[in-house]
PDB file of N, CA and C in Angstrom:
ATOM      1  N   UNK A   1     126.820 117.940 104.223  1.00  0.00           N
ATOM      2  CA  UNK A   1     125.380 117.932 104.185  1.00  0.00           C
ATOM      3  C   UNK A   1     124.870 117.771 105.613  1.00  0.00           C
ATOM      4  N   UNK A   2     123.887 118.586 105.969  1.00  0.00           N
ATOM      5  CA  UNK A   2     123.317 118.518 107.308  1.00  0.00           C
ATOM      6  C   UNK A   2     122.255 117.425 107.357  1.00  0.00           C
ATOM      7  N   UNK A   3     122.365 116.582 108.364  1.00  0.00           N
ATOM      8  CA  UNK A   3     121.418 115.485 108.535  1.00  0.00           C
ATOM      9  C   UNK A   3     120.195 115.892 109.334  1.00  0.00           C
ATOM     10  N   UNK A   4     120.296 117.005 110.073  1.00  0.00           N
ATOM     11  CA  UNK A   4     119.184 117.516 110.883  1.00  0.00           C
ATOM     12  C   UNK A   4     119.184 119.035 110.830  1.00  0.00           C
ATOM     13  N   UNK A   5     118.057 119.652 111.189  1.00  0.00           N
ATOM     14  CA  UNK A   5     118.003 121.104 111.330  1.00  0.00           C
ATOM     15  C   UNK A   5     118.894 121.507 112.501  1.00  0.00           C
ATOM     16  N   UNK A   6     119.536 122.692 112.399  1.00  0.00           N
ATOM     17  CA  UNK A   6     120.310 123.195 113.529  1.00  0.00           C
ATOM     18  C   UNK A   6     119.473 124.206 114.298  1.00  0.00           C
ATOM     19  N   UNK A   7     119.695 124.277 115.600  1.00  0.00           N
ATOM     20  CA  UNK A   7     118.946 125.208 116.447  1.00  0.00           C
ATOM     21  C   UNK A   7     119.844 126.361 116.920  1.00  0.00           C
ATOM     22  N   UNK A   8     120.988 126.539 116.296  1.00  0.00           N
ATOM     23  CA  UNK A   8     121.924 127.605 116.653  1.00  0.00           C
ATOM     24  C   UNK A   8     122.538 128.148 115.361  1.00  0.00           C
ATOM     25  N   UNK A   9     123.138 129.321 115.465  1.00  0.00           N
ATOM     26  CA  UNK A   9     123.711 129.950 114.273  1.00  0.00           C
ATOM     27  C   UNK A   9     125.031 129.318 113.894  1.00  0.00           C
ATOM     28  N   UNK A  10     125.335 129.237 112.626  1.00  0.00           N
ATOM     29  CA  UNK A  10     124.465 129.542 111.499  1.00  0.00           C
ATOM     30  C   UNK A  10     123.398 128.461 111.342  1.00  0.00           C
ATOM     31  N   UNK A  11     122.192 128.869 111.017  1.00  0.00           N
ATOM     32  CA  UNK A  11     121.067 127.950 110.912  1.00  0.00           C
ATOM     33  C   UNK A  11     121.120 127.192 109.595  1.00  0.00           C
ATOM     34  N   UNK A  12     120.895 125.889 109.661  1.00  0.00           N
ATOM     35  CA  UNK A  12     120.826 125.035 108.485  1.00  0.00           C
ATOM     36  C   UNK A  12     119.610 124.135 108.616  1.00  0.00           C
ATOM     37  N   UNK A  13     119.063 123.752 107.487  1.00  0.00           N
ATOM     38  CA  UNK A  13     117.951 122.810 107.438  1.00  0.00           C
ATOM     39  C   UNK A  13     118.477 121.451 107.012  1.00  0.00           C
ATOM     40  N   UNK A  14     117.778 120.414 107.419  1.00  0.00           N
ATOM     41  CA  UNK A  14     118.128 119.059 107.022  1.00  0.00           C
ATOM     42  C   UNK A  14     118.231 119.008 105.498  1.00  0.00           C
ATOM     43  N   UNK A  15     119.346 118.446 105.004  1.00  0.00           N
ATOM     44  CA  UNK A  15     119.560 118.325 103.572  1.00  0.00           C
ATOM     45  C   UNK A  15     120.356 119.461 102.953  1.00  0.00           C
ATOM     46  N   UNK A  16     120.558 120.570 103.696  1.00  0.00           N
ATOM     47  CA  UNK A  16     121.389 121.669 103.175  1.00  0.00           C
ATOM     48  C   UNK A  16     122.803 121.154 102.928  1.00  0.00           C
ATOM     49  N   UNK A  17     123.428 121.656 101.855  1.00  0.00           N
ATOM     50  CA  UNK A  17     124.803 121.276 101.534  1.00  0.00           C
ATOM     51  C   UNK A  17     125.642 122.531 101.412  1.00  0.00           C
ATOM     52  N   UNK A  18     126.898 122.424 101.835  1.00  0.00           N
ATOM     53  CA  UNK A  18     127.815 123.557 101.736  1.00  0.00           C
ATOM     54  C   UNK A  18     129.242 123.042 101.584  1.00  0.00           C
ATOM     55  N   UNK A  19     129.978 123.627 100.630  1.00  0.00           N
ATOM     56  CA  UNK A  19     131.391 123.310 100.465  1.00  0.00           C
ATOM     57  C   UNK A  19     132.168 124.117 101.491  1.00  0.00           C
ATOM     58  N   UNK A  20     132.903 123.446 102.352  1.00  0.00           N
ATOM     59  CA  UNK A  20     133.659 124.124 103.400  1.00  0.00           C
ATOM     60  C   UNK A  20     135.017 124.571 102.860  1.00  0.00           C
ATOM     61  N   UNK A  21     135.772 123.661 102.265  1.00  0.00           N
ATOM     62  CA  UNK A  21     137.084 123.993 101.696  1.00  0.00           C
ATOM     63  C   UNK A  21     137.514 122.881 100.755  1.00  0.00           C
ATOM     64  N   UNK A  22     138.613 123.103 100.061  1.00  0.00           N
ATOM     65  CA  UNK A  22     139.210 122.095  99.176  1.00  0.00           C
ATOM     66  C   UNK A  22     140.695 121.977  99.499  1.00  0.00           C
ATOM     67  N   UNK A  23     141.237 120.801  99.244  1.00  0.00           N
ATOM     68  CA  UNK A  23     142.665 120.564  99.419  1.00  0.00           C
ATOM     69  C   UNK A  23     143.222 119.951  98.145  1.00  0.00           C
ATOM     70  N   UNK A  24     144.467 120.259  97.817  1.00  0.00           N
ATOM     71  CA  UNK A  24     145.127 119.675  96.657  1.00  0.00           C
ATOM     72  C   UNK A  24     145.639 118.269  96.947  1.00  0.00           C
ATOM     73  N   UNK A  25     145.795 117.939  98.230  1.00  0.00           N
ATOM     74  CA  UNK A  25     146.295 116.612  98.608  1.00  0.00           C
ATOM     75  C   UNK A  25     145.120 115.745  99.073  1.00  0.00           C
ATOM     76  N   UNK A  26     145.203 114.419  98.875  1.00  0.00           N
ATOM     77  CA  UNK A  26     144.083 113.531  99.192  1.00  0.00           C
ATOM     78  C   UNK A  26     143.754 113.468 100.687  1.00  0.00           C
ATOM     79  N   UNK A  27     142.458 113.420 100.976  1.00  0.00           N
ATOM     80  CA  UNK A  27     141.971 113.212 102.346  1.00  0.00           C
ATOM     81  C   UNK A  27     141.894 111.711 102.582  1.00  0.00           C
ATOM     82  N   UNK A  28     142.538 111.242 103.645  1.00  0.00           N
ATOM     83  CA  UNK A  28     142.551 109.820 103.978  1.00  0.00           C
ATOM     84  C   UNK A  28     141.449 109.443 104.960  1.00  0.00           C
ATOM     85  N   UNK A  29     141.139 110.374 105.871  1.00  0.00           N
ATOM     86  CA  UNK A  29     140.179 110.062 106.926  1.00  0.00           C
ATOM     87  C   UNK A  29     139.639 111.362 107.492  1.00  0.00           C
ATOM     88  N   UNK A  30     138.467 111.311 108.082  1.00  0.00           N
ATOM     89  CA  UNK A  30     137.887 112.476 108.734  1.00  0.00           C
ATOM     90  C   UNK A  30     136.997 112.048 109.880  1.00  0.00           C
ATOM     91  N   UNK A  31     136.924 112.889 110.907  1.00  0.00           N
ATOM     92  CA  UNK A  31     136.066 112.602 112.051  1.00  0.00           C
ATOM     93  C   UNK A  31     135.641 113.912 112.704  1.00  0.00           C
ATOM     94  N   UNK A  32     134.506 113.889 113.389  1.00  0.00           N
ATOM     95  CA  UNK A  32     134.037 115.069 114.111  1.00  0.00           C
ATOM     96  C   UNK A  32     134.911 115.327 115.319  1.00  0.00           C
ATOM     97  N   UNK A  33     135.070 116.595 115.668  1.00  0.00           N
ATOM     98  CA  UNK A  33     135.865 117.020 116.817  1.00  0.00           C
ATOM     99  C   UNK A  33     135.072 118.083 117.554  1.00  0.00           C
ATOM    100  N   UNK A  34     134.965 117.965 118.871  1.00  0.00           N
ATOM    101  CA  UNK A  34     134.206 118.915 119.703  1.00  0.00           C
ATOM    102  C   UNK A  34     132.761 119.048 119.220  1.00  0.00           C
ATOM    103  N   UNK A  35     132.065 117.950 119.206  1.00  0.00           N
ATOM    104  CA  UNK A  35     130.661 117.985 118.793  1.00  0.00           C
ATOM    105  C   UNK A  35     130.539 117.989 117.285  1.00  0.00           C
ATOM    106  N   UNK A  36     129.754 118.915 116.765  1.00  0.00           N
ATOM    107  CA  UNK A  36     129.483 118.944 115.325  1.00  0.00           C
ATOM    108  C   UNK A  36     129.961 120.229 114.667  1.00  0.00           C
ATOM    109  N   UNK A  37     130.863 120.966 115.292  1.00  0.00           N
ATOM    110  CA  UNK A  37     131.309 122.245 114.742  1.00  0.00           C
ATOM    111  C   UNK A  37     132.710 122.214 114.158  1.00  0.00           C
ATOM    112  N   UNK A  38     133.432 121.115 114.338  1.00  0.00           N
ATOM    113  CA  UNK A  38     134.802 120.998 113.841  1.00  0.00           C
ATOM    114  C   UNK A  38     135.019 119.602 113.271  1.00  0.00           C
ATOM    115  N   UNK A  39     135.890 119.512 112.285  1.00  0.00           N
ATOM    116  CA  UNK A  39     136.256 118.233 111.680  1.00  0.00           C
ATOM    117  C   UNK A  39     137.771 118.106 111.728  1.00  0.00           C
ATOM    118  N   UNK A  40     138.256 116.912 112.073  1.00  0.00           N
ATOM    119  CA  UNK A  40     139.683 116.623 111.961  1.00  0.00           C
ATOM    120  C   UNK A  40     139.870 115.807 110.688  1.00  0.00           C
ATOM    121  N   UNK A  41     140.784 116.249 109.827  1.00  0.00           N
ATOM    122  CA  UNK A  41     141.091 115.523 108.598  1.00  0.00           C
ATOM    123  C   UNK A  41     142.517 114.998 108.631  1.00  0.00           C
ATOM    124  N   UNK A  42     142.666 113.782 108.174  1.00  0.00           N
ATOM    125  CA  UNK A  42     143.992 113.200 107.960  1.00  0.00           C
ATOM    126  C   UNK A  42     144.273 113.317 106.469  1.00  0.00           C
ATOM    127  N   UNK A  43     145.356 113.986 106.123  1.00  0.00           N
ATOM    128  CA  UNK A  43     145.710 114.223 104.728  1.00  0.00           C
ATOM    129  C   UNK A  43     147.007 113.507 104.385  1.00  0.00           C
ATOM    130  N   UNK A  44     147.055 112.949 103.189  1.00  0.00           N
ATOM    131  CA  UNK A  44     148.250 112.223 102.724  1.00  0.00           C
ATOM    132  C   UNK A  44     149.263 113.202 102.160  1.00  0.00           C
ATOM    133  N   UNK A  45     150.481 113.103 102.613  1.00  0.00           N
ATOM    134  CA  UNK A  45     151.566 113.973 102.151  1.00  0.00           C
ATOM    135  C   UNK A  45     152.764 113.090 101.804  1.00  0.00           C
ATOM    136  N   UNK A  46     153.641 113.586 100.943  1.00  0.00           N
ATOM    137  CA  UNK A  46     154.858 112.834 100.599  1.00  0.00           C
ATOM    138  C   UNK A  46     156.075 113.712 100.844  1.00  0.00           C
ATOM    139  N   UNK A  47     157.137 113.100 101.376  1.00  0.00           N
ATOM    140  CA  UNK A  47     158.386 113.833 101.580  1.00  0.00           C
ATOM    141  C   UNK A  47     159.164 113.889 100.258  1.00  0.00           C
ATOM    142  N   UNK A  48     160.288 114.597 100.220  1.00  0.00           N
ATOM    143  CA  UNK A  48     161.052 114.717  98.963  1.00  0.00           C
ATOM    144  C   UNK A  48     161.498 113.383  98.362  1.00  0.00           C
ATOM    145  N   UNK A  49     161.602 112.333  99.186  1.00  0.00           N
ATOM    146  CA  UNK A  49     161.998 111.015  98.674  1.00  0.00           C
ATOM    147  C   UNK A  49     160.799 110.163  98.264  1.00  0.00           C
ATOM    148  N   UNK A  50     159.590 110.747  98.321  1.00  0.00           N
ATOM    149  CA  UNK A  50     158.387 110.030  97.907  1.00  0.00           C
ATOM    150  C   UNK A  50     157.763 109.162  98.974  1.00  0.00           C
ATOM    151  N   UNK A  51     158.272 109.246 100.206  1.00  0.00           N
ATOM    152  CA  UNK A  51     157.701 108.462 101.299  1.00  0.00           C
ATOM    153  C   UNK A  51     156.438 109.141 101.809  1.00  0.00           C
ATOM    154  N   UNK A  52     155.411 108.362 102.001  1.00  0.00           N
ATOM    155  CA  UNK A  52     154.112 108.873 102.422  1.00  0.00           C
ATOM    156  C   UNK A  52     154.042 109.051 103.933  1.00  0.00           C
ATOM    157  N   UNK A  53     153.427 110.142 104.372  1.00  0.00           N
ATOM    158  CA  UNK A  53     153.153 110.358 105.788  1.00  0.00           C
ATOM    159  C   UNK A  53     151.859 111.162 105.904  1.00  0.00           C
ATOM    160  N   UNK A  54     151.331 111.273 107.104  1.00  0.00           N
ATOM    161  CA  UNK A  54     150.051 111.958 107.309  1.00  0.00           C
ATOM    162  C   UNK A  54     150.254 113.290 108.017  1.00  0.00           C
ATOM    163  N   UNK A  55     149.426 114.256 107.651  1.00  0.00           N
ATOM    164  CA  UNK A  55     149.308 115.505 108.393  1.00  0.00           C
ATOM    165  C   UNK A  55     147.852 115.628 108.806  1.00  0.00           C
ATOM    166  N   UNK A  56     147.602 116.384 109.866  1.00  0.00           N
ATOM    167  CA  UNK A  56     146.252 116.510 110.401  1.00  0.00           C
ATOM    168  C   UNK A  56     145.858 117.976 110.461  1.00  0.00           C
ATOM    169  N   UNK A  57     144.614 118.261 110.113  1.00  0.00           N
ATOM    170  CA  UNK A  57     144.085 119.623 110.172  1.00  0.00           C
ATOM    171  C   UNK A  57     142.723 119.609 110.838  1.00  0.00           C
ATOM    172  N   UNK A  58     142.495 120.597 111.689  1.00  0.00           N
ATOM    173  CA  UNK A  58     141.182 120.806 112.303  1.00  0.00           C
ATOM    174  C   UNK A  58     140.526 121.957 111.562  1.00  0.00           C
ATOM    175  N   UNK A  59     139.290 121.753 111.138  1.00  0.00           N
ATOM    176  CA  UNK A  59     138.567 122.750 110.358  1.00  0.00           C
ATOM    177  C   UNK A  59     137.266 123.093 111.076  1.00  0.00           C
ATOM    178  N   UNK A  60     137.057 124.386 111.294  1.00  0.00           N
ATOM    179  CA  UNK A  60     135.787 124.859 111.844  1.00  0.00           C
ATOM    180  C   UNK A  60     134.811 124.975 110.683  1.00  0.00           C
ATOM    181  N   UNK A  61     133.629 124.360 110.783  1.00  0.00           N
ATOM    182  CA  UNK A  61     132.710 124.348 109.658  1.00  0.00           C
ATOM    183  C   UNK A  61     131.855 125.607 109.566  1.00  0.00           C
ATOM    184  N   UNK A  62     131.895 126.483 110.561  1.00  0.00           N
ATOM    185  CA  UNK A  62     131.178 127.763 110.519  1.00  0.00           C
ATOM    186  C   UNK A  62     132.013 128.741 109.696  1.00  0.00           C
ATOM    187  N   UNK A  63     131.533 129.082 108.507  1.00  0.00           N
ATOM    188  CA  UNK A  63     132.314 129.912 107.588  1.00  0.00           C
ATOM    189  C   UNK A  63     132.142 131.408 107.823  1.00  0.00           C
ATOM    190  N   UNK A  64     131.321 131.812 108.773  1.00  0.00           N
ATOM    191  CA  UNK A  64     131.161 133.237 109.042  1.00  0.00           C
ATOM    192  C   UNK A  64     132.486 133.806 109.526  1.00  0.00           C
ATOM    193  N   UNK A  65     132.949 134.872 108.893  1.00  0.00           N
ATOM    194  CA  UNK A  65     134.217 135.469 109.287  1.00  0.00           C
ATOM    195  C   UNK A  65     135.424 134.784 108.685  1.00  0.00           C
ATOM    196  N   UNK A  66     135.230 133.828 107.799  1.00  0.00           N
ATOM    197  CA  UNK A  66     136.337 133.124 107.170  1.00  0.00           C
ATOM    198  C   UNK A  66     136.507 131.711 107.714  1.00  0.00           C
ATOM    199  N   UNK A  67     137.228 130.909 106.991  1.00  0.00           N
ATOM    200  CA  UNK A  67     137.490 129.533 107.378  1.00  0.00           C
ATOM    201  C   UNK A  67     138.663 129.481 108.348  1.00  0.00           C
ATOM    202  N   UNK A  68     138.471 128.789 109.460  1.00  0.00           N
ATOM    203  CA  UNK A  68     139.551 128.593 110.424  1.00  0.00           C
ATOM    204  C   UNK A  68     140.080 127.172 110.282  1.00  0.00           C
ATOM    205  N   UNK A  69     141.363 127.062 109.918  1.00  0.00           N
ATOM    206  CA  UNK A  69     142.004 125.748 109.762  1.00  0.00           C
ATOM    207  C   UNK A  69     143.299 125.775 110.559  1.00  0.00           C
ATOM    208  N   UNK A  70     143.475 124.751 111.400  1.00  0.00           N
ATOM    209  CA  UNK A  70     144.686 124.639 112.210  1.00  0.00           C
ATOM    210  C   UNK A  70     145.366 123.327 111.844  1.00  0.00           C
ATOM    211  N   UNK A  71     146.666 123.390 111.527  1.00  0.00           N
ATOM    212  CA  UNK A  71     147.422 122.187 111.245  1.00  0.00           C
ATOM    213  C   UNK A  71     148.102 121.723 112.519  1.00  0.00           C
ATOM    214  N   UNK A  72     147.976 120.421 112.803  1.00  0.00           N
ATOM    215  CA  UNK A  72     148.610 119.861 113.992  1.00  0.00           C
ATOM    216  C   UNK A  72     149.974 119.326 113.665  1.00  0.00           C
TER     217      UNK A  72
END
């Protein structure tokens, strides 16, 4: 959800909501990266023995041209 109007493309108004993507594994944490155009997500993953570990993905929130997701 946008907290303020944007002055650059893609244009959004305060209060606009948009689903960026979904994951089958739980999101543990998220933070903005490079201003307000990218999000870093920490996702919970389990190895074959059931031990929990984290993976990280950077997601560009501008969906024009498709979703860009990079796994670190």
